[in-house]
Amino acid sequence: MRGKALLTAGLIAAALAASAGSAQAAVTIGSNLAASPAMSNAPGCEVDAIPCTATNLSLPSANLAPGGLLSPVNGTVTSWKLGATMANTISLQVVRPVSGTTYTGVSTSAPVSYPGPAIPTNPTTVPIQIGDGIGLLDPHANFIYADTIGGQVAAWYLAPAGPLANGQTRTADIVGNNKEALVQATIEPTNTVINGAIARKKKKGTATVTVTVPNPGQLSYSGTGVKVSGPASVAAPGDVQLTVRATGKKAKKLKRKGKVSVSFGTTFTPSFGAAATTTTNLTLRKKLKKK
């Protein structure tokens, strides 16, 4: 657990550092696909008609996509690419590190095929979480590796288990040194906050709204006749507390009537992502003084 917590903290810190200064619309992870595929599928994926899952355990910085090997955000893979010059029914697979070379299969895209030599971008919709990696589910002898000094891959292929199944947790059957799995994915971070519990303080006429934030990022608030106090940024996904109070004419009505309806917007800009605003409507209540 400690190792996983440190990994997550490191990913979040990297995400915030990389996104400082300018927001990006998406983040790309995995290989940068600069290397050329080798004429070998070893280790583990070299025999025709023996399916395998392959993923990168490490890559030198010269071969790494801008977002790193593991996702720094919760979001959706919207497209992916394979570095092989031709492909036959091969899929992107989201894999989740557990410990060492033990991974859990999470989800898989629809398979793609192309004759080459052009390498297409493959649209998809596959969920991914902070700390997840990507691999290739290869049912044939596609050339999915490059010979990359300093790279390391893991593969799952041995019978009877075969490739890493989604929902299955298993230690890799083989590890290959100086190899690179030629796969990358583009992720759109989730940017919608979710409203939760509302606690009203009738003595003050305020309310505390619990909001679940899906990613590291920036927060801002807006509204007429209302003031919202809350954090300007979050370093990790989770719940934050917003304090809501009426202002101006709304505050006068609350003091006079004991209740008033207000509306405010919470704008969240995730690291690497685009901003989205969630509107919240609620009724503030204030205990009136007895005359």
C-alpha atoms as a PDB file:
ATOM      1  CA  MET A   1       0.000   0.000   0.000  1.00  0.00           C
ATOM      2  CA  ARG A   2       2.826   2.379   0.878  1.00  0.00           C
ATOM      3  CA  GLY A   3       4.493   1.836  -2.491  1.00  0.00           C
ATOM      4  CA  LYS A   4       1.214   2.402  -4.325  1.00  0.00           C
ATOM      5  CA  ALA A   5       0.565   5.598  -2.342  1.00  0.00           C
ATOM      6  CA  LEU A   6       4.034   6.912  -3.171  1.00  0.00           C
ATOM      7  CA  LEU A   7       3.511   6.052  -6.854  1.00  0.00           C
ATOM      8  CA  THR A   8       0.194   7.907  -6.937  1.00  0.00           C
ATOM      9  CA  ALA A   9       1.675  10.938  -5.150  1.00  0.00           C
ATOM     10  CA  GLY A  10       4.526  11.021  -7.650  1.00  0.00           C
ATOM     11  CA  LEU A  11       2.171  10.841 -10.616  1.00  0.00           C
ATOM     12  CA  ILE A  12       0.066  13.689  -9.254  1.00  0.00           C
ATOM     13  CA  ALA A  13       3.108  15.850  -8.577  1.00  0.00           C
ATOM     14  CA  ALA A  14       4.382  15.201 -12.098  1.00  0.00           C
ATOM     15  CA  ALA A  15       1.004  16.088 -13.561  1.00  0.00           C
ATOM     16  CA  LEU A  16       0.831  19.403 -11.716  1.00  0.00           C
ATOM     17  CA  ALA A  17       4.408  20.302 -12.615  1.00  0.00           C
ATOM     18  CA  ALA A  18       3.954  19.436 -16.281  1.00  0.00           C
ATOM     19  CA  SER A  19       0.746  21.426 -16.564  1.00  0.00           C
ATOM     20  CA  ALA A  20       1.963  24.568 -14.801  1.00  0.00           C
ATOM     21  CA  GLY A  21       1.744  27.697 -16.925  1.00  0.00           C
ATOM     22  CA  SER A  22      -0.648  26.467 -19.605  1.00  0.00           C
ATOM     23  CA  ALA A  23      -3.588  24.086 -19.763  1.00  0.00           C
ATOM     24  CA  GLN A  24      -3.495  21.285 -22.305  1.00  0.00           C
ATOM     25  CA  ALA A  25      -6.455  19.606 -23.951  1.00  0.00           C
ATOM     26  CA  ALA A  26      -5.163  16.058 -23.426  1.00  0.00           C
ATOM     27  CA  VAL A  27      -2.169  14.006 -22.299  1.00  0.00           C
ATOM     28  CA  THR A  28      -0.311  11.332 -24.259  1.00  0.00           C
ATOM     29  CA  ILE A  29       1.273   8.360 -22.474  1.00  0.00           C
ATOM     30  CA  GLY A  30       3.369   5.358 -23.467  1.00  0.00           C
ATOM     31  CA  SER A  31       5.958   5.337 -26.236  1.00  0.00           C
ATOM     32  CA  ASN A  32       6.618   8.380 -28.421  1.00  0.00           C
ATOM     33  CA  LEU A  33       6.827   5.919 -31.350  1.00  0.00           C
ATOM     34  CA  ALA A  34      10.126   7.413 -32.519  1.00  0.00           C
ATOM     35  CA  ALA A  35      11.761   3.970 -32.759  1.00  0.00           C
ATOM     36  CA  SER A  36      11.314   1.588 -35.672  1.00  0.00           C
ATOM     37  CA  PRO A  37       9.767  -1.842 -35.164  1.00  0.00           C
ATOM     38  CA  ALA A  38      12.243  -4.714 -35.003  1.00  0.00           C
ATOM     39  CA  MET A  39      11.782  -7.838 -37.113  1.00  0.00           C
ATOM     40  CA  SER A  40      11.258  -9.885 -33.967  1.00  0.00           C
ATOM     41  CA  ASN A  41       8.360 -10.305 -31.571  1.00  0.00           C
ATOM     42  CA  ALA A  42      10.407 -11.749 -28.723  1.00  0.00           C
ATOM     43  CA  PRO A  43       9.828 -11.913 -25.852  1.00  0.00           C
ATOM     44  CA  GLY A  44       6.546 -13.746 -25.549  1.00  0.00           C
ATOM     45  CA  CYS A  45       4.680 -12.574 -28.660  1.00  0.00           C
ATOM     46  CA  GLU A  46       6.751 -14.257 -31.338  1.00  0.00           C
ATOM     47  CA  VAL A  47       4.680 -17.312 -32.245  1.00  0.00           C
ATOM     48  CA  ASP A  48       1.900 -16.884 -34.803  1.00  0.00           C
ATOM     49  CA  ALA A  49      -1.614 -17.546 -33.441  1.00  0.00           C
ATOM     50  CA  ILE A  50      -0.398 -17.460 -29.804  1.00  0.00           C
ATOM     51  CA  PRO A  51      -2.082 -14.337 -28.336  1.00  0.00           C
ATOM     52  CA  CYS A  52      -0.176 -12.165 -25.886  1.00  0.00           C
ATOM     53  CA  THR A  53      -0.418  -8.982 -23.836  1.00  0.00           C
ATOM     54  CA  ALA A  54       2.689  -6.758 -23.828  1.00  0.00           C
ATOM     55  CA  THR A  55       3.390  -3.563 -21.905  1.00  0.00           C
ATOM     56  CA  ASN A  56       6.355  -1.297 -21.152  1.00  0.00           C
ATOM     57  CA  LEU A  57       7.855  -1.563 -17.670  1.00  0.00           C
ATOM     58  CA  SER A  58      10.324   1.246 -18.350  1.00  0.00           C
ATOM     59  CA  LEU A  59      11.549   3.420 -21.208  1.00  0.00           C
ATOM     60  CA  PRO A  60      14.451   5.873 -21.579  1.00  0.00           C
ATOM     61  CA  SER A  61      13.370   9.507 -21.715  1.00  0.00           C
ATOM     62  CA  ALA A  62      14.240   9.744 -25.436  1.00  0.00           C
ATOM     63  CA  ASN A  63      11.508   7.179 -26.197  1.00  0.00           C
ATOM     64  CA  LEU A  64       8.886   8.326 -23.705  1.00  0.00           C
ATOM     65  CA  ALA A  65       5.636  10.132 -24.538  1.00  0.00           C
ATOM     66  CA  PRO A  66       5.164  13.538 -22.786  1.00  0.00           C
ATOM     67  CA  GLY A  67       2.792  12.135 -20.130  1.00  0.00           C
ATOM     68  CA  GLY A  68       5.031   9.238 -19.095  1.00  0.00           C
ATOM     69  CA  LEU A  69       4.228   5.521 -18.989  1.00  0.00           C
ATOM     70  CA  LEU A  70       1.373   5.648 -16.481  1.00  0.00           C
ATOM     71  CA  SER A  71      -1.691   7.866 -16.643  1.00  0.00           C
ATOM     72  CA  PRO A  72      -1.386  11.004 -14.455  1.00  0.00           C
ATOM     73  CA  VAL A  73      -5.166  11.584 -14.677  1.00  0.00           C
ATOM     74  CA  ASN A  74      -8.550   9.909 -14.437  1.00  0.00           C
ATOM     75  CA  GLY A  75     -10.210  10.108 -17.812  1.00  0.00           C
ATOM     76  CA  THR A  76     -10.935   8.443 -21.125  1.00  0.00           C
ATOM     77  CA  VAL A  77      -8.559   7.182 -23.791  1.00  0.00           C
ATOM     78  CA  THR A  78      -9.905   8.875 -26.913  1.00  0.00           C
ATOM     79  CA  SER A  79      -7.334   7.578 -29.407  1.00  0.00           C
ATOM     80  CA  TRP A  80      -4.295   5.324 -29.618  1.00  0.00           C
ATOM     81  CA  LYS A  81      -1.518   4.398 -32.028  1.00  0.00           C
ATOM     82  CA  LEU A  82       0.607   1.351 -32.663  1.00  0.00           C
ATOM     83  CA  GLY A  83       4.129   1.754 -34.056  1.00  0.00           C
ATOM     84  CA  ALA A  84       3.987  -1.358 -36.250  1.00  0.00           C
ATOM     85  CA  THR A  85       3.996  -0.547 -39.978  1.00  0.00           C
ATOM     86  CA  MET A  86       1.146  -3.022 -40.444  1.00  0.00           C
ATOM     87  CA  ALA A  87      -1.286  -4.590 -38.001  1.00  0.00           C
ATOM     88  CA  ASN A  88      -3.707  -7.500 -37.898  1.00  0.00           C
ATOM     89  CA  THR A  89      -6.567  -7.403 -35.333  1.00  0.00           C
ATOM     90  CA  ILE A  90      -4.582  -5.826 -32.514  1.00  0.00           C
ATOM     91  CA  SER A  91      -6.084  -3.909 -29.561  1.00  0.00           C
ATOM     92  CA  LEU A  92      -5.079  -1.382 -26.960  1.00  0.00           C
ATOM     93  CA  GLN A  93      -5.317  -2.798 -23.438  1.00  0.00           C
ATOM     94  CA  VAL A  94      -5.401  -0.742 -20.230  1.00  0.00           C
ATOM     95  CA  VAL A  95      -3.412  -2.537 -17.520  1.00  0.00           C
ATOM     96  CA  ARG A  96      -3.078  -1.687 -13.821  1.00  0.00           C
ATOM     97  CA  PRO A  97       0.222  -2.214 -11.945  1.00  0.00           C
ATOM     98  CA  VAL A  98      -0.169  -4.109  -8.672  1.00  0.00           C
ATOM     99  CA  SER A  99       3.412  -4.923  -7.625  1.00  0.00           C
ATOM    100  CA  GLY A 100       6.545  -5.542  -9.663  1.00  0.00           C
ATOM    101  CA  THR A 101       5.481  -7.366 -12.831  1.00  0.00           C
ATOM    102  CA  THR A 102       2.054  -8.290 -11.424  1.00  0.00           C
ATOM    103  CA  TYR A 103      -0.703  -6.420 -13.266  1.00  0.00           C
ATOM    104  CA  THR A 104      -4.481  -6.480 -13.582  1.00  0.00           C
ATOM    105  CA  GLY A 105      -6.140  -6.344 -16.983  1.00  0.00           C
ATOM    106  CA  VAL A 106      -8.683  -3.500 -16.999  1.00  0.00           C
ATOM    107  CA  SER A 107     -10.272  -2.925 -20.403  1.00  0.00           C
ATOM    108  CA  THR A 108      -9.619  -3.341 -24.108  1.00  0.00           C
ATOM    109  CA  SER A 109     -10.382  -1.324 -27.227  1.00  0.00           C
ATOM    110  CA  ALA A 110     -11.931  -2.725 -30.362  1.00  0.00           C
ATOM    111  CA  PRO A 111      -9.283  -4.469 -32.522  1.00  0.00           C
ATOM    112  CA  VAL A 112      -7.814  -2.667 -35.522  1.00  0.00           C
ATOM    113  CA  SER A 113      -6.095  -3.796 -38.695  1.00  0.00           C
ATOM    114  CA  TYR A 114      -4.256  -1.789 -41.341  1.00  0.00           C
ATOM    115  CA  PRO A 115      -1.995  -2.709 -44.267  1.00  0.00           C
ATOM    116  CA  GLY A 116       0.660  -0.004 -43.786  1.00  0.00           C
ATOM    117  CA  PRO A 117       2.966   1.699 -44.407  1.00  0.00           C
ATOM    118  CA  ALA A 118       1.050   4.642 -42.907  1.00  0.00           C
ATOM    119  CA  ILE A 119       0.303   4.327 -39.175  1.00  0.00           C
ATOM    120  CA  PRO A 120      -3.250   5.502 -38.387  1.00  0.00           C
ATOM    121  CA  THR A 121      -4.634   7.091 -35.246  1.00  0.00           C
ATOM    122  CA  ASN A 122      -7.327   4.822 -33.859  1.00  0.00           C
ATOM    123  CA  PRO A 123     -10.292   6.509 -32.131  1.00  0.00           C
ATOM    124  CA  THR A 124     -11.689   4.721 -29.084  1.00  0.00           C
ATOM    125  CA  THR A 125     -13.503   5.288 -25.791  1.00  0.00           C
ATOM    126  CA  VAL A 126     -11.773   3.392 -22.992  1.00  0.00           C
ATOM    127  CA  PRO A 127     -11.782   4.525 -19.337  1.00  0.00           C
ATOM    128  CA  ILE A 128      -8.462   4.895 -17.533  1.00  0.00           C
ATOM    129  CA  GLN A 129      -7.431   5.824 -13.987  1.00  0.00           C
ATOM    130  CA  ILE A 130      -4.458   7.524 -12.373  1.00  0.00           C
ATOM    131  CA  GLY A 131      -1.604   5.011 -12.272  1.00  0.00           C
ATOM    132  CA  ASP A 132      -2.900   2.781 -15.090  1.00  0.00           C
ATOM    133  CA  GLY A 133      -0.605   1.787 -17.930  1.00  0.00           C
ATOM    134  CA  ILE A 134      -1.249   0.719 -21.511  1.00  0.00           C
ATOM    135  CA  GLY A 135      -0.310  -2.381 -23.461  1.00  0.00           C
ATOM    136  CA  LEU A 136      -1.120  -4.281 -26.626  1.00  0.00           C
ATOM    137  CA  LEU A 137      -3.359  -7.319 -26.922  1.00  0.00           C
ATOM    138  CA  ASP A 138      -1.795  -9.093 -29.891  1.00  0.00           C
ATOM    139  CA  PRO A 139      -3.472 -12.247 -31.255  1.00  0.00           C
ATOM    140  CA  HIS A 140      -0.991 -12.701 -34.112  1.00  0.00           C
ATOM    141  CA  ALA A 141       2.676 -12.160 -34.920  1.00  0.00           C
ATOM    142  CA  ASN A 142       2.457  -8.380 -35.368  1.00  0.00           C
ATOM    143  CA  PHE A 143       5.813  -6.607 -35.055  1.00  0.00           C
ATOM    144  CA  ILE A 144       5.024  -4.665 -31.878  1.00  0.00           C
ATOM    145  CA  TYR A 145       8.519  -4.213 -30.398  1.00  0.00           C
ATOM    146  CA  ALA A 146      11.505  -1.972 -31.066  1.00  0.00           C
ATOM    147  CA  ASP A 147      15.084  -2.721 -30.020  1.00  0.00           C
ATOM    148  CA  THR A 148      15.538   0.103 -27.500  1.00  0.00           C
ATOM    149  CA  ILE A 149      18.550   0.235 -25.200  1.00  0.00           C
ATOM    150  CA  GLY A 150      17.301   0.777 -21.643  1.00  0.00           C
ATOM    151  CA  GLY A 151      13.730  -0.260 -22.389  1.00  0.00           C
ATOM    152  CA  GLN A 152      12.035  -3.133 -20.599  1.00  0.00           C
ATOM    153  CA  VAL A 153       8.802  -4.938 -21.448  1.00  0.00           C
ATOM    154  CA  ALA A 154       6.602  -7.548 -19.803  1.00  0.00           C
ATOM    155  CA  ALA A 155       4.448 -10.098 -21.625  1.00  0.00           C
ATOM    156  CA  TRP A 156       1.667 -12.533 -20.729  1.00  0.00           C
ATOM    157  CA  TYR A 157       1.225 -15.436 -23.168  1.00  0.00           C
ATOM    158  CA  LEU A 158       1.875 -18.897 -21.714  1.00  0.00           C
ATOM    159  CA  ALA A 159      -0.812 -21.564 -22.051  1.00  0.00           C
ATOM    160  CA  PRO A 160      -3.276 -22.230 -20.630  1.00  0.00           C
ATOM    161  CA  ALA A 161      -3.775 -18.676 -19.315  1.00  0.00           C
ATOM    162  CA  GLY A 162      -2.648 -16.863 -22.473  1.00  0.00           C
ATOM    163  CA  PRO A 163      -2.783 -13.044 -22.563  1.00  0.00           C
ATOM    164  CA  LEU A 164      -3.758 -11.010 -19.504  1.00  0.00           C
ATOM    165  CA  ALA A 165      -7.546 -11.107 -19.337  1.00  0.00           C
ATOM    166  CA  ASN A 166      -9.560  -8.104 -18.218  1.00  0.00           C
ATOM    167  CA  GLY A 167     -10.358  -8.527 -14.529  1.00  0.00           C
ATOM    168  CA  GLN A 168      -7.461 -10.963 -14.084  1.00  0.00           C
ATOM    169  CA  THR A 169      -4.437 -10.236 -11.862  1.00  0.00           C
ATOM    170  CA  ARG A 170      -1.309 -12.126 -12.864  1.00  0.00           C
ATOM    171  CA  THR A 171       2.480 -11.925 -12.838  1.00  0.00           C
ATOM    172  CA  ALA A 172       4.063 -11.524 -16.277  1.00  0.00           C
ATOM    173  CA  ASP A 173       5.246 -14.741 -17.919  1.00  0.00           C
ATOM    174  CA  ILE A 174       8.404 -13.098 -19.218  1.00  0.00           C
ATOM    175  CA  VAL A 175      10.370  -9.829 -19.016  1.00  0.00           C
ATOM    176  CA  GLY A 176      12.478  -8.564 -21.915  1.00  0.00           C
ATOM    177  CA  ASN A 177      15.357  -6.114 -21.609  1.00  0.00           C
ATOM    178  CA  ASN A 178      16.321  -3.536 -24.250  1.00  0.00           C
ATOM    179  CA  LYS A 179      12.856  -3.812 -25.791  1.00  0.00           C
ATOM    180  CA  GLU A 180      10.047  -1.288 -26.301  1.00  0.00           C
ATOM    181  CA  ALA A 181       6.357  -1.948 -26.882  1.00  0.00           C
ATOM    182  CA  LEU A 182       5.350   0.504 -29.604  1.00  0.00           C
ATOM    183  CA  VAL A 183       2.063   1.806 -28.212  1.00  0.00           C
ATOM    184  CA  GLN A 184       0.772   5.198 -27.105  1.00  0.00           C
ATOM    185  CA  ALA A 185      -2.598   6.564 -25.978  1.00  0.00           C
ATOM    186  CA  THR A 186      -4.145  10.022 -25.781  1.00  0.00           C
ATOM    187  CA  ILE A 187      -6.281  10.690 -22.701  1.00  0.00           C
ATOM    188  CA  GLU A 188      -8.928  13.343 -22.110  1.00  0.00           C
ATOM    189  CA  PRO A 189      -9.048  14.026 -18.353  1.00  0.00           C
ATOM    190  CA  THR A 190     -12.437  13.960 -16.641  1.00  0.00           C
ATOM    191  CA  ASN A 191     -13.430  17.586 -15.930  1.00  0.00           C
ATOM    192  CA  THR A 192     -16.882  17.344 -14.335  1.00  0.00           C
ATOM    193  CA  VAL A 193     -17.265  17.796 -10.589  1.00  0.00           C
ATOM    194  CA  ILE A 194     -20.055  15.977  -8.740  1.00  0.00           C
ATOM    195  CA  ASN A 195     -22.142  17.653  -6.049  1.00  0.00           C
ATOM    196  CA  GLY A 196     -22.705  15.692  -2.863  1.00  0.00           C
ATOM    197  CA  ALA A 197     -24.114  16.399   0.574  1.00  0.00           C
ATOM    198  CA  ILE A 198     -25.413  19.834   1.544  1.00  0.00           C
ATOM    199  CA  ALA A 199     -25.242  20.922   5.184  1.00  0.00           C
ATOM    200  CA  ARG A 200     -27.165  24.110   6.051  1.00  0.00           C
ATOM    201  CA  LYS A 201     -26.243  26.353   8.953  1.00  0.00           C
ATOM    202  CA  LYS A 202     -29.519  28.118   9.705  1.00  0.00           C
ATOM    203  CA  LYS A 203     -28.032  30.332  12.384  1.00  0.00           C
ATOM    204  CA  LYS A 204     -25.670  31.940   9.854  1.00  0.00           C
ATOM    205  CA  GLY A 205     -27.803  31.381   6.771  1.00  0.00           C
ATOM    206  CA  THR A 206     -24.961  29.591   4.951  1.00  0.00           C
ATOM    207  CA  ALA A 207     -24.505  26.125   3.477  1.00  0.00           C
ATOM    208  CA  THR A 208     -21.574  23.762   3.086  1.00  0.00           C
ATOM    209  CA  VAL A 209     -21.601  21.818  -0.180  1.00  0.00           C
ATOM    210  CA  THR A 210     -19.409  18.734  -0.617  1.00  0.00           C
ATOM    211  CA  VAL A 211     -18.019  18.491  -4.155  1.00  0.00           C
ATOM    212  CA  THR A 212     -16.124  15.515  -5.586  1.00  0.00           C
ATOM    213  CA  VAL A 213     -13.264  16.588  -7.864  1.00  0.00           C
ATOM    214  CA  PRO A 214     -12.092  13.921 -10.366  1.00  0.00           C
ATOM    215  CA  ASN A 215      -8.492  15.021 -10.947  1.00  0.00           C
ATOM    216  CA  PRO A 216      -5.699  17.365  -9.868  1.00  0.00           C
ATOM    217  CA  GLY A 217      -6.433  20.844 -11.191  1.00  0.00           C
ATOM    218  CA  GLN A 218      -7.761  24.369 -10.672  1.00  0.00           C
ATOM    219  CA  LEU A 219     -11.111  25.534  -9.272  1.00  0.00           C
ATOM    220  CA  SER A 220     -12.976  28.828  -9.558  1.00  0.00           C
ATOM    221  CA  TYR A 221     -16.499  29.940  -8.635  1.00  0.00           C
ATOM    222  CA  SER A 222     -19.084  32.327 -10.037  1.00  0.00           C
ATOM    223  CA  GLY A 223     -22.632  33.506  -9.403  1.00  0.00           C
ATOM    224  CA  THR A 224     -24.836  36.550  -8.856  1.00  0.00           C
ATOM    225  CA  GLY A 225     -25.998  37.304  -5.326  1.00  0.00           C
ATOM    226  CA  VAL A 226     -23.851  34.554  -3.903  1.00  0.00           C
ATOM    227  CA  LYS A 227     -20.305  34.124  -2.621  1.00  0.00           C
ATOM    228  CA  VAL A 228     -18.601  30.742  -2.727  1.00  0.00           C
ATOM    229  CA  SER A 229     -15.478  30.029  -0.702  1.00  0.00           C
ATOM    230  CA  GLY A 230     -13.402  26.976  -1.552  1.00  0.00           C
ATOM    231  CA  PRO A 231      -9.938  25.836  -2.654  1.00  0.00           C
ATOM    232  CA  ALA A 232      -8.372  27.370  -5.751  1.00  0.00           C
ATOM    233  CA  SER A 233      -6.563  24.127  -6.612  1.00  0.00           C
ATOM    234  CA  VAL A 234      -6.450  20.465  -5.669  1.00  0.00           C
ATOM    235  CA  ALA A 235      -3.420  18.181  -5.794  1.00  0.00           C
ATOM    236  CA  ALA A 236      -5.418  14.964  -5.992  1.00  0.00           C
ATOM    237  CA  PRO A 237      -8.930  13.686  -6.725  1.00  0.00           C
ATOM    238  CA  GLY A 238     -11.326  13.709  -3.785  1.00  0.00           C
ATOM    239  CA  ASP A 239     -13.924  15.674  -1.859  1.00  0.00           C
ATOM    240  CA  VAL A 240     -13.657  19.402  -1.122  1.00  0.00           C
ATOM    241  CA  GLN A 241     -15.924  21.615   0.969  1.00  0.00           C
ATOM    242  CA  LEU A 242     -17.488  24.790  -0.424  1.00  0.00           C
ATOM    243  CA  THR A 243     -19.071  27.429   1.790  1.00  0.00           C
ATOM    244  CA  VAL A 244     -21.993  29.241   0.153  1.00  0.00           C
ATOM    245  CA  ARG A 245     -23.455  32.533   1.416  1.00  0.00           C
ATOM    246  CA  ALA A 246     -25.900  35.043  -0.048  1.00  0.00           C
ATOM    247  CA  THR A 247     -24.844  38.594  -0.895  1.00  0.00           C
ATOM    248  CA  GLY A 248     -26.595  41.844  -1.869  1.00  0.00           C
ATOM    249  CA  LYS A 249     -30.342  41.593  -2.494  1.00  0.00           C
ATOM    250  CA  LYS A 250     -30.273  37.833  -1.926  1.00  0.00           C
ATOM    251  CA  ALA A 251     -28.806  38.335   1.552  1.00  0.00           C
ATOM    252  CA  LYS A 252     -31.484  40.925   2.392  1.00  0.00           C
ATOM    253  CA  LYS A 253     -34.243  38.581   1.246  1.00  0.00           C
ATOM    254  CA  LEU A 254     -32.768  35.733   3.302  1.00  0.00           C
ATOM    255  CA  LYS A 255     -32.701  37.930   6.383  1.00  0.00           C
ATOM    256  CA  ARG A 256     -36.287  39.051   5.752  1.00  0.00           C
ATOM    257  CA  LYS A 257     -37.924  35.790   4.564  1.00  0.00           C
ATOM    258  CA  GLY A 258     -35.723  33.139   6.170  1.00  0.00           C
ATOM    259  CA  LYS A 259     -34.959  31.448   2.856  1.00  0.00           C
ATOM    260  CA  VAL A 260     -33.647  32.314  -0.597  1.00  0.00           C
ATOM    261  CA  SER A 261     -32.731  30.388  -3.734  1.00  0.00           C
ATOM    262  CA  VAL A 262     -29.226  30.860  -5.109  1.00  0.00           C
ATOM    263  CA  SER A 263     -27.270  29.471  -8.043  1.00  0.00           C
ATOM    264  CA  PHE A 264     -23.514  29.273  -8.558  1.00  0.00           C
ATOM    265  CA  GLY A 265     -21.039  27.743 -10.970  1.00  0.00           C
ATOM    266  CA  THR A 266     -17.992  25.626 -10.113  1.00  0.00           C
ATOM    267  CA  THR A 267     -15.433  25.720 -12.914  1.00  0.00           C
ATOM    268  CA  PHE A 268     -12.868  22.930 -12.843  1.00  0.00           C
ATOM    269  CA  THR A 269      -9.803  22.791 -15.104  1.00  0.00           C
ATOM    270  CA  PRO A 270      -8.016  19.453 -14.714  1.00  0.00           C
ATOM    271  CA  SER A 271      -4.285  19.140 -15.222  1.00  0.00           C
ATOM    272  CA  PHE A 272      -3.750  18.494 -18.958  1.00  0.00           C
ATOM    273  CA  GLY A 273      -7.445  19.128 -19.636  1.00  0.00           C
ATOM    274  CA  ALA A 274     -10.134  21.607 -20.636  1.00  0.00           C
ATOM    275  CA  ALA A 275     -12.364  23.537 -18.231  1.00  0.00           C
ATOM    276  CA  ALA A 276     -15.978  22.637 -17.485  1.00  0.00           C
ATOM    277  CA  THR A 277     -18.532  24.440 -15.310  1.00  0.00           C
ATOM    278  CA  THR A 278     -21.082  22.691 -13.117  1.00  0.00           C
ATOM    279  CA  THR A 279     -24.106  24.724 -11.995  1.00  0.00           C
ATOM    280  CA  THR A 280     -25.547  24.195  -8.521  1.00  0.00           C
ATOM    281  CA  ASN A 281     -28.957  25.405  -7.366  1.00  0.00           C
ATOM    282  CA  LEU A 282     -29.833  25.381  -3.688  1.00  0.00           C
ATOM    283  CA  THR A 283     -31.965  27.091  -1.077  1.00  0.00           C
ATOM    284  CA  LEU A 284     -30.288  28.854   1.807  1.00  0.00           C
ATOM    285  CA  ARG A 285     -32.225  29.011   5.073  1.00  0.00           C
ATOM    286  CA  LYS A 286     -31.820  31.318   8.031  1.00  0.00           C
ATOM    287  CA  LYS A 287     -33.517  31.138  11.391  1.00  0.00           C
ATOM    288  CA  LEU A 288     -35.503  34.308  11.854  1.00  0.00           C
ATOM    289  CA  LYS A 289     -35.356  36.189  15.114  1.00  0.00           C
ATOM    290  CA  LYS A 290     -38.590  36.194  17.084  1.00  0.00           C
ATOM    291  CA  LYS A 291     -40.261  39.572  17.314  1.00  0.00           C
END
